[in-house]
Amino acid sequence: MTTKPLLLLAALTLCCCIASLHALPTQGCRCIRSIYSQVPLKVIKKLELIPISGHCRRTEIIITRRNGSKVCVKPEEKWVNSLLSNLQK
């Protein structure tokens, strides 16, 4: 008689574990497509540098413009390297 409640408890625990796995999907690369063209310094509000990780095998640079739109840029572009070195100074 005590096996039914234990089986029910085990089944509910398993369901909760499976549901929590689906609630937190793995995050992959954030940039699907990157641009080559230069973004003017005066429109840049924020710059995010996301290094290589287990989720994404490439360095990503995301620029948030003053109007709130986000754009991914190619890290190997000369203007991006120049922008990063200027920001570090």
PDB file of N, CA and C in Angstrom:
ATOM      1  N   MET A   1       0.808  -1.208   0.000  1.00  0.00           N
ATOM      2  CA  MET A   1       0.000   0.000   0.000  1.00  0.00           C
ATOM      3  C   MET A   1       0.852   1.275   0.000  1.00  0.00           C
ATOM      4  N   THR A   2       2.031   1.251   0.573  1.00  0.00           N
ATOM      5  CA  THR A   2       2.856   2.461   0.622  1.00  0.00           C
ATOM      6  C   THR A   2       3.656   2.681  -0.665  1.00  0.00           C
ATOM      7  N   THR A   3       3.643   1.724  -1.574  1.00  0.00           N
ATOM      8  CA  THR A   3       4.392   1.913  -2.812  1.00  0.00           C
ATOM      9  C   THR A   3       3.712   2.880  -3.762  1.00  0.00           C
ATOM     10  N   LYS A   4       2.396   2.932  -3.748  1.00  0.00           N
ATOM     11  CA  LYS A   4       1.690   3.856  -4.664  1.00  0.00           C
ATOM     12  C   LYS A   4       2.032   5.313  -4.374  1.00  0.00           C
ATOM     13  N   PRO A   5       1.992   5.767  -3.127  1.00  0.00           N
ATOM     14  CA  PRO A   5       2.368   7.165  -2.873  1.00  0.00           C
ATOM     15  C   PRO A   5       3.830   7.458  -3.227  1.00  0.00           C
ATOM     16  N   LEU A   6       4.711   6.494  -2.982  1.00  0.00           N
ATOM     17  CA  LEU A   6       6.123   6.700  -3.317  1.00  0.00           C
ATOM     18  C   LEU A   6       6.316   6.772  -4.831  1.00  0.00           C
ATOM     19  N   LEU A   7       5.630   5.938  -5.587  1.00  0.00           N
ATOM     20  CA  LEU A   7       5.704   5.987  -7.042  1.00  0.00           C
ATOM     21  C   LEU A   7       5.143   7.298  -7.579  1.00  0.00           C
ATOM     22  N   LEU A   8       4.057   7.753  -6.987  1.00  0.00           N
ATOM     23  CA  LEU A   8       3.455   9.024  -7.390  1.00  0.00           C
ATOM     24  C   LEU A   8       4.415  10.179  -7.108  1.00  0.00           C
ATOM     25  N   LEU A   9       5.051  10.150  -5.951  1.00  0.00           N
ATOM     26  CA  LEU A   9       6.022  11.194  -5.590  1.00  0.00           C
ATOM     27  C   LEU A   9       7.221  11.164  -6.546  1.00  0.00           C
ATOM     28  N   ALA A  10       7.705   9.984  -6.871  1.00  0.00           N
ATOM     29  CA  ALA A  10       8.830   9.858  -7.801  1.00  0.00           C
ATOM     30  C   ALA A  10       8.446  10.363  -9.186  1.00  0.00           C
ATOM     31  N   ALA A  11       7.235  10.040  -9.646  1.00  0.00           N
ATOM     32  CA  ALA A  11       6.774  10.492 -10.962  1.00  0.00           C
ATOM     33  C   ALA A  11       6.641  12.006 -11.001  1.00  0.00           C
ATOM     34  N   LEU A  12       6.106  12.604  -9.953  1.00  0.00           N
ATOM     35  CA  LEU A  12       5.967  14.066  -9.891  1.00  0.00           C
ATOM     36  C   LEU A  12       7.344  14.750  -9.863  1.00  0.00           C
ATOM     37  N   THR A  13       8.281  14.181  -9.124  1.00  0.00           N
ATOM     38  CA  THR A  13       9.631  14.733  -9.068  1.00  0.00           C
ATOM     39  C   THR A  13      10.286  14.684 -10.443  1.00  0.00           C
ATOM     40  N   LEU A  14      10.134  13.563 -11.133  1.00  0.00           N
ATOM     41  CA  LEU A  14      10.687  13.422 -12.475  1.00  0.00           C
ATOM     42  C   LEU A  14      10.076  14.443 -13.434  1.00  0.00           C
ATOM     43  N   CYS A  15       8.763  14.639 -13.357  1.00  0.00           N
ATOM     44  CA  CYS A  15       8.090  15.631 -14.215  1.00  0.00           C
ATOM     45  C   CYS A  15       8.609  17.037 -13.949  1.00  0.00           C
ATOM     46  N   CYS A  16       8.819  17.363 -12.690  1.00  0.00           N
ATOM     47  CA  CYS A  16       9.339  18.693 -12.342  1.00  0.00           C
ATOM     48  C   CYS A  16      10.754  18.889 -12.881  1.00  0.00           C
ATOM     49  N   CYS A  17      11.574  17.846 -12.788  1.00  0.00           N
ATOM     50  CA  CYS A  17      12.951  17.946 -13.302  1.00  0.00           C
ATOM     51  C   CYS A  17      12.961  18.132 -14.812  1.00  0.00           C
ATOM     52  N   ILE A  18      12.135  17.395 -15.509  1.00  0.00           N
ATOM     53  CA  ILE A  18      12.068  17.512 -16.964  1.00  0.00           C
ATOM     54  C   ILE A  18      11.554  18.893 -17.370  1.00  0.00           C
ATOM     55  N   ALA A  19      10.558  19.394 -16.666  1.00  0.00           N
ATOM     56  CA  ALA A  19      10.007  20.721 -16.972  1.00  0.00           C
ATOM     57  C   ALA A  19      11.052  21.811 -16.756  1.00  0.00           C
ATOM     58  N   SER A  20      11.874  21.679 -15.709  1.00  0.00           N
ATOM     59  CA  SER A  20      12.884  22.708 -15.449  1.00  0.00           C
ATOM     60  C   SER A  20      13.984  22.682 -16.499  1.00  0.00           C
ATOM     61  N   LEU A  21      14.280  21.523 -17.065  1.00  0.00           N
ATOM     62  CA  LEU A  21      15.279  21.451 -18.131  1.00  0.00           C
ATOM     63  C   LEU A  21      14.814  22.185 -19.381  1.00  0.00           C
ATOM     64  N   HIS A  22      13.534  22.097 -19.697  1.00  0.00           N
ATOM     65  CA  HIS A  22      12.996  22.784 -20.870  1.00  0.00           C
ATOM     66  C   HIS A  22      12.820  24.275 -20.621  1.00  0.00           C
ATOM     67  N   ALA A  23      12.726  24.680 -19.360  1.00  0.00           N
ATOM     68  CA  ALA A  23      12.535  26.091 -19.040  1.00  0.00           C
ATOM     69  C   ALA A  23      13.816  26.894 -19.249  1.00  0.00           C
ATOM     70  N   LEU A  24      14.971  26.247 -19.190  1.00  0.00           N
ATOM     71  CA  LEU A  24      16.242  26.943 -19.332  1.00  0.00           C
ATOM     72  C   LEU A  24      16.988  26.406 -20.555  1.00  0.00           C
ATOM     73  N   PRO A  25      16.610  26.864 -21.748  1.00  0.00           N
ATOM     74  CA  PRO A  25      17.301  26.369 -22.941  1.00  0.00           C
ATOM     75  C   PRO A  25      18.739  26.865 -22.975  1.00  0.00           C
ATOM     76  N   THR A  26      19.611  26.116 -23.605  1.00  0.00           N
ATOM     77  CA  THR A  26      21.000  26.546 -23.701  1.00  0.00           C
ATOM     78  C   THR A  26      21.089  27.739 -24.648  1.00  0.00           C
ATOM     79  N   GLN A  27      21.896  28.681 -24.254  1.00  0.00           N
ATOM     80  CA  GLN A  27      22.048  29.902 -25.050  1.00  0.00           C
ATOM     81  C   GLN A  27      23.191  29.706 -26.030  1.00  0.00           C
ATOM     82  N   GLY A  28      22.926  29.918 -27.289  1.00  0.00           N
ATOM     83  CA  GLY A  28      23.965  29.792 -28.312  1.00  0.00           C
ATOM     84  C   GLY A  28      24.526  31.159 -28.637  1.00  0.00           C
ATOM     85  N   CYS A  29      25.043  31.282 -29.830  1.00  0.00           N
ATOM     86  CA  CYS A  29      25.563  32.576 -30.283  1.00  0.00           C
ATOM     87  C   CYS A  29      24.418  33.585 -30.369  1.00  0.00           C
ATOM     88  N   ARG A  30      24.694  34.807 -30.005  1.00  0.00           N
ATOM     89  CA  ARG A  30      23.665  35.847 -30.051  1.00  0.00           C
ATOM     90  C   ARG A  30      23.597  36.526 -31.411  1.00  0.00           C
ATOM     91  N   CYS A  31      24.701  36.485 -32.142  1.00  0.00           N
ATOM     92  CA  CYS A  31      24.757  37.134 -33.458  1.00  0.00           C
ATOM     93  C   CYS A  31      24.526  36.108 -34.559  1.00  0.00           C
ATOM     94  N   ILE A  32      23.462  36.283 -35.287  1.00  0.00           N
ATOM     95  CA  ILE A  32      23.191  35.417 -36.422  1.00  0.00           C
ATOM     96  C   ILE A  32      23.915  35.954 -37.648  1.00  0.00           C
ATOM     97  N   ARG A  33      23.900  37.262 -37.773  1.00  0.00           N
ATOM     98  CA  ARG A  33      24.524  37.923 -38.914  1.00  0.00           C
ATOM     99  C   ARG A  33      25.253  39.164 -38.410  1.00  0.00           C
ATOM    100  N   SER A  34      26.430  39.423 -38.961  1.00  0.00           N
ATOM    101  CA  SER A  34      27.220  40.587 -38.564  1.00  0.00           C
ATOM    102  C   SER A  34      27.445  41.485 -39.769  1.00  0.00           C
ATOM    103  N   ILE A  35      27.589  42.781 -39.488  1.00  0.00           N
ATOM    104  CA  ILE A  35      27.798  43.745 -40.568  1.00  0.00           C
ATOM    105  C   ILE A  35      29.273  44.126 -40.661  1.00  0.00           C
ATOM    106  N   TYR A  36      29.665  44.602 -41.826  1.00  0.00           N
ATOM    107  CA  TYR A  36      31.031  45.075 -42.065  1.00  0.00           C
ATOM    108  C   TYR A  36      31.118  46.596 -41.944  1.00  0.00           C
ATOM    109  N   SER A  37      30.025  47.278 -42.255  1.00  0.00           N
ATOM    110  CA  SER A  37      30.056  48.743 -42.344  1.00  0.00           C
ATOM    111  C   SER A  37      30.247  49.392 -40.978  1.00  0.00           C
ATOM    112  N   GLN A  38      30.905  50.525 -41.001  1.00  0.00           N
ATOM    113  CA  GLN A  38      31.237  51.247 -39.779  1.00  0.00           C
ATOM    114  C   GLN A  38      30.005  51.893 -39.157  1.00  0.00           C
ATOM    115  N   VAL A  39      29.931  51.815 -37.827  1.00  0.00           N
ATOM    116  CA  VAL A  39      28.871  52.484 -37.079  1.00  0.00           C
ATOM    117  C   VAL A  39      29.475  53.761 -36.511  1.00  0.00           C
ATOM    118  N   PRO A  40      28.883  54.935 -36.808  1.00  0.00           N
ATOM    119  CA  PRO A  40      29.443  56.188 -36.297  1.00  0.00           C
ATOM    120  C   PRO A  40      29.483  56.212 -34.769  1.00  0.00           C
ATOM    121  N   LEU A  41      30.563  56.725 -34.233  1.00  0.00           N
ATOM    122  CA  LEU A  41      30.760  56.782 -32.783  1.00  0.00           C
ATOM    123  C   LEU A  41      29.642  57.533 -32.078  1.00  0.00           C
ATOM    124  N   LYS A  42      29.116  58.575 -32.720  1.00  0.00           N
ATOM    125  CA  LYS A  42      28.092  59.405 -32.063  1.00  0.00           C
ATOM    126  C   LYS A  42      26.761  58.688 -31.877  1.00  0.00           C
ATOM    127  N   VAL A  43      26.517  57.571 -32.579  1.00  0.00           N
ATOM    128  CA  VAL A  43      25.251  56.846 -32.417  1.00  0.00           C
ATOM    129  C   VAL A  43      25.385  55.638 -31.496  1.00  0.00           C
ATOM    130  N   ILE A  44      26.615  55.346 -31.028  1.00  0.00           N
ATOM    131  CA  ILE A  44      26.821  54.191 -30.157  1.00  0.00           C
ATOM    132  C   ILE A  44      26.469  54.547 -28.723  1.00  0.00           C
ATOM    133  N   LYS A  45      25.555  53.774 -28.167  1.00  0.00           N
ATOM    134  CA  LYS A  45      25.161  53.947 -26.771  1.00  0.00           C
ATOM    135  C   LYS A  45      25.909  52.952 -25.879  1.00  0.00           C
ATOM    136  N   LYS A  46      26.067  51.710 -26.387  1.00  0.00           N
ATOM    137  CA  LYS A  46      26.680  50.648 -25.587  1.00  0.00           C
ATOM    138  C   LYS A  46      27.379  49.666 -26.515  1.00  0.00           C
ATOM    139  N   LEU A  47      28.482  49.104 -26.038  1.00  0.00           N
ATOM    140  CA  LEU A  47      29.214  48.111 -26.804  1.00  0.00           C
ATOM    141  C   LEU A  47      29.432  46.892 -25.910  1.00  0.00           C
ATOM    142  N   GLU A  48      29.030  45.714 -26.385  1.00  0.00           N
ATOM    143  CA  GLU A  48      29.211  44.474 -25.630  1.00  0.00           C
ATOM    144  C   GLU A  48      30.202  43.586 -26.369  1.00  0.00           C
ATOM    145  N   LEU A  49      31.210  43.129 -25.664  1.00  0.00           N
ATOM    146  CA  LEU A  49      32.184  42.200 -26.205  1.00  0.00           C
ATOM    147  C   LEU A  49      31.952  40.864 -25.515  1.00  0.00           C
ATOM    148  N   ILE A  50      31.532  39.871 -26.275  1.00  0.00           N
ATOM    149  CA  ILE A  50      31.230  38.553 -25.723  1.00  0.00           C
ATOM    150  C   ILE A  50      32.308  37.590 -26.216  1.00  0.00           C
ATOM    151  N   PRO A  51      33.177  37.122 -25.296  1.00  0.00           N
ATOM    152  CA  PRO A  51      34.279  36.257 -25.710  1.00  0.00           C
ATOM    153  C   PRO A  51      33.815  34.846 -26.095  1.00  0.00           C
ATOM    154  N   ILE A  52      34.709  34.093 -26.683  1.00  0.00           N
ATOM    155  CA  ILE A  52      34.440  32.703 -27.040  1.00  0.00           C
ATOM    156  C   ILE A  52      34.091  31.933 -25.765  1.00  0.00           C
ATOM    157  N   SER A  53      33.074  31.085 -25.855  1.00  0.00           N
ATOM    158  CA  SER A  53      32.654  30.300 -24.687  1.00  0.00           C
ATOM    159  C   SER A  53      32.148  28.941 -25.154  1.00  0.00           C
ATOM    160  N   GLY A  54      31.655  28.180 -24.209  1.00  0.00           N
ATOM    161  CA  GLY A  54      31.081  26.881 -24.541  1.00  0.00           C
ATOM    162  C   GLY A  54      29.784  27.009 -25.316  1.00  0.00           C
ATOM    163  N   HIS A  55      29.155  28.186 -25.250  1.00  0.00           N
ATOM    164  CA  HIS A  55      27.890  28.415 -25.957  1.00  0.00           C
ATOM    165  C   HIS A  55      28.104  28.898 -27.387  1.00  0.00           C
ATOM    166  N   CYS A  56      29.216  29.576 -27.623  1.00  0.00           N
ATOM    167  CA  CYS A  56      29.476  30.130 -28.951  1.00  0.00           C
ATOM    168  C   CYS A  56      30.978  30.085 -29.223  1.00  0.00           C
ATOM    169  N   ARG A  57      31.353  29.615 -30.397  1.00  0.00           N
ATOM    170  CA  ARG A  57      32.763  29.413 -30.720  1.00  0.00           C
ATOM    171  C   ARG A  57      33.421  30.616 -31.379  1.00  0.00           C
ATOM    172  N   ARG A  58      32.786  31.774 -31.320  1.00  0.00           N
ATOM    173  CA  ARG A  58      33.405  32.966 -31.902  1.00  0.00           C
ATOM    174  C   ARG A  58      33.184  34.168 -30.976  1.00  0.00           C
ATOM    175  N   THR A  59      34.081  35.137 -31.098  1.00  0.00           N
ATOM    176  CA  THR A  59      33.930  36.383 -30.355  1.00  0.00           C
ATOM    177  C   THR A  59      32.829  37.196 -31.013  1.00  0.00           C
ATOM    178  N   GLU A  60      31.939  37.745 -30.195  1.00  0.00           N
ATOM    179  CA  GLU A  60      30.834  38.559 -30.727  1.00  0.00           C
ATOM    180  C   GLU A  60      30.927  39.967 -30.166  1.00  0.00           C
ATOM    181  N   ILE A  61      30.660  40.932 -31.021  1.00  0.00           N
ATOM    182  CA  ILE A  61      30.606  42.332 -30.601  1.00  0.00           C
ATOM    183  C   ILE A  61      29.243  42.865 -30.993  1.00  0.00           C
ATOM    184  N   ILE A  62      28.497  43.305 -29.981  1.00  0.00           N
ATOM    185  CA  ILE A  62      27.147  43.821 -30.203  1.00  0.00           C
ATOM    186  C   ILE A  62      27.132  45.291 -29.835  1.00  0.00           C
ATOM    187  N   ILE A  63      26.718  46.117 -30.783  1.00  0.00           N
ATOM    188  CA  ILE A  63      26.619  47.562 -30.557  1.00  0.00           C
ATOM    189  C   ILE A  63      25.145  47.920 -30.409  1.00  0.00           C
ATOM    190  N   THR A  64      24.837  48.617 -29.326  1.00  0.00           N
ATOM    191  CA  THR A  64      23.497  49.159 -29.131  1.00  0.00           C
ATOM    192  C   THR A  64      23.544  50.630 -29.524  1.00  0.00           C
ATOM    193  N   ARG A  65      22.694  51.004 -30.449  1.00  0.00           N
ATOM    194  CA  ARG A  65      22.650  52.402 -30.908  1.00  0.00           C
ATOM    195  C   ARG A  65      21.802  53.230 -29.955  1.00  0.00           C
ATOM    196  N   ARG A  66      21.888  54.526 -30.077  1.00  0.00           N
ATOM    197  CA  ARG A  66      21.121  55.435 -29.211  1.00  0.00           C
ATOM    198  C   ARG A  66      19.613  55.250 -29.363  1.00  0.00           C
ATOM    199  N   ASN A  67      19.174  54.798 -30.546  1.00  0.00           N
ATOM    200  CA  ASN A  67      17.734  54.583 -30.748  1.00  0.00           C
ATOM    201  C   ASN A  67      17.267  53.220 -30.198  1.00  0.00           C
ATOM    202  N   GLY A  68      18.202  52.449 -29.609  1.00  0.00           N
ATOM    203  CA  GLY A  68      17.840  51.179 -28.988  1.00  0.00           C
ATOM    204  C   GLY A  68      18.054  49.962 -29.878  1.00  0.00           C
ATOM    205  N   SER A  69      18.293  50.168 -31.159  1.00  0.00           N
ATOM    206  CA  SER A  69      18.512  49.024 -32.050  1.00  0.00           C
ATOM    207  C   SER A  69      19.902  48.436 -31.808  1.00  0.00           C
ATOM    208  N   LYS A  70      20.006  47.136 -32.019  1.00  0.00           N
ATOM    209  CA  LYS A  70      21.274  46.443 -31.808  1.00  0.00           C
ATOM    210  C   LYS A  70      21.771  45.901 -33.130  1.00  0.00           C
ATOM    211  N   VAL A  71      23.100  45.894 -33.270  1.00  0.00           N
ATOM    212  CA  VAL A  71      23.716  45.373 -34.484  1.00  0.00           C
ATOM    213  C   VAL A  71      25.000  44.645 -34.085  1.00  0.00           C
ATOM    214  N   CYS A  72      25.229  43.518 -34.729  1.00  0.00           N
ATOM    215  CA  CYS A  72      26.466  42.774 -34.523  1.00  0.00           C
ATOM    216  C   CYS A  72      27.469  43.207 -35.579  1.00  0.00           C
ATOM    217  N   VAL A  73      28.722  43.357 -35.145  1.00  0.00           N
ATOM    218  CA  VAL A  73      29.762  43.775 -36.082  1.00  0.00           C
ATOM    219  C   VAL A  73      30.866  42.723 -36.107  1.00  0.00           C
ATOM    220  N   LYS A  74      31.590  42.701 -37.216  1.00  0.00           N
ATOM    221  CA  LYS A  74      32.691  41.754 -37.389  1.00  0.00           C
ATOM    222  C   LYS A  74      33.885  42.194 -36.540  1.00  0.00           C
ATOM    223  N   PRO A  75      34.329  41.370 -35.604  1.00  0.00           N
ATOM    224  CA  PRO A  75      35.451  41.755 -34.734  1.00  0.00           C
ATOM    225  C   PRO A  75      36.760  41.958 -35.476  1.00  0.00           C
ATOM    226  N   GLU A  76      36.919  41.343 -36.645  1.00  0.00           N
ATOM    227  CA  GLU A  76      38.184  41.445 -37.370  1.00  0.00           C
ATOM    228  C   GLU A  76      38.298  42.691 -38.245  1.00  0.00           C
ATOM    229  N   GLU A  77      37.254  43.494 -38.316  1.00  0.00           N
ATOM    230  CA  GLU A  77      37.294  44.720 -39.121  1.00  0.00           C
ATOM    231  C   GLU A  77      38.234  45.746 -38.473  1.00  0.00           C
ATOM    232  N   LYS A  78      38.965  46.499 -39.311  1.00  0.00           N
ATOM    233  CA  LYS A  78      39.928  47.492 -38.812  1.00  0.00           C
ATOM    234  C   LYS A  78      39.248  48.553 -37.958  1.00  0.00           C
ATOM    235  N   TRP A  79      38.078  49.030 -38.390  1.00  0.00           N
ATOM    236  CA  TRP A  79      37.408  50.101 -37.652  1.00  0.00           C
ATOM    237  C   TRP A  79      36.949  49.613 -36.276  1.00  0.00           C
ATOM    238  N   VAL A  80      36.628  48.332 -36.162  1.00  0.00           N
ATOM    239  CA  VAL A  80      36.207  47.772 -34.867  1.00  0.00           C
ATOM    240  C   VAL A  80      37.413  47.707 -33.930  1.00  0.00           C
ATOM    241  N   ASN A  81      38.547  47.246 -34.445  1.00  0.00           N
ATOM    242  CA  ASN A  81      39.766  47.207 -33.627  1.00  0.00           C
ATOM    243  C   ASN A  81      40.184  48.602 -33.181  1.00  0.00           C
ATOM    244  N   SER A  82      40.048  49.575 -34.069  1.00  0.00           N
ATOM    245  CA  SER A  82      40.368  50.961 -33.730  1.00  0.00           C
ATOM    246  C   SER A  82      39.422  51.487 -32.654  1.00  0.00           C
ATOM    247  N   LEU A  83      38.150  51.185 -32.794  1.00  0.00           N
ATOM    248  CA  LEU A  83      37.149  51.609 -31.805  1.00  0.00           C
ATOM    249  C   LEU A  83      37.450  51.006 -30.439  1.00  0.00           C
ATOM    250  N   LEU A  84      37.764  49.722 -30.402  1.00  0.00           N
ATOM    251  CA  LEU A  84      38.076  49.045 -29.130  1.00  0.00           C
ATOM    252  C   LEU A  84      39.315  49.621 -28.476  1.00  0.00           C
ATOM    253  N   SER A  85      40.348  49.903 -29.270  1.00  0.00           N
ATOM    254  CA  SER A  85      41.573  50.463 -28.688  1.00  0.00           C
ATOM    255  C   SER A  85      41.332  51.881 -28.177  1.00  0.00           C
ATOM    256  N   ASN A  86      40.498  52.658 -28.858  1.00  0.00           N
ATOM    257  CA  ASN A  86      40.166  54.016 -28.385  1.00  0.00           C
ATOM    258  C   ASN A  86      39.373  53.967 -27.082  1.00  0.00           C
ATOM    259  N   LEU A  87      38.490  53.007 -26.963  1.00  0.00           N
ATOM    260  CA  LEU A  87      37.681  52.892 -25.745  1.00  0.00           C
ATOM    261  C   LEU A  87      38.525  52.435 -24.554  1.00  0.00           C
ATOM    262  N   GLN A  88      39.583  51.677 -24.812  1.00  0.00           N
ATOM    263  CA  GLN A  88      40.454  51.210 -23.724  1.00  0.00           C
ATOM    264  C   GLN A  88      41.327  52.334 -23.154  1.00  0.00           C
ATOM    265  N   LYS A  89      41.537  53.394 -23.946  1.00  0.00           N
ATOM    266  CA  LYS A  89      42.399  54.508 -23.495  1.00  0.00           C
ATOM    267  C   LYS A  89      41.710  55.380 -22.472  1.00  0.00           C
TER     268      LYS A  89
END
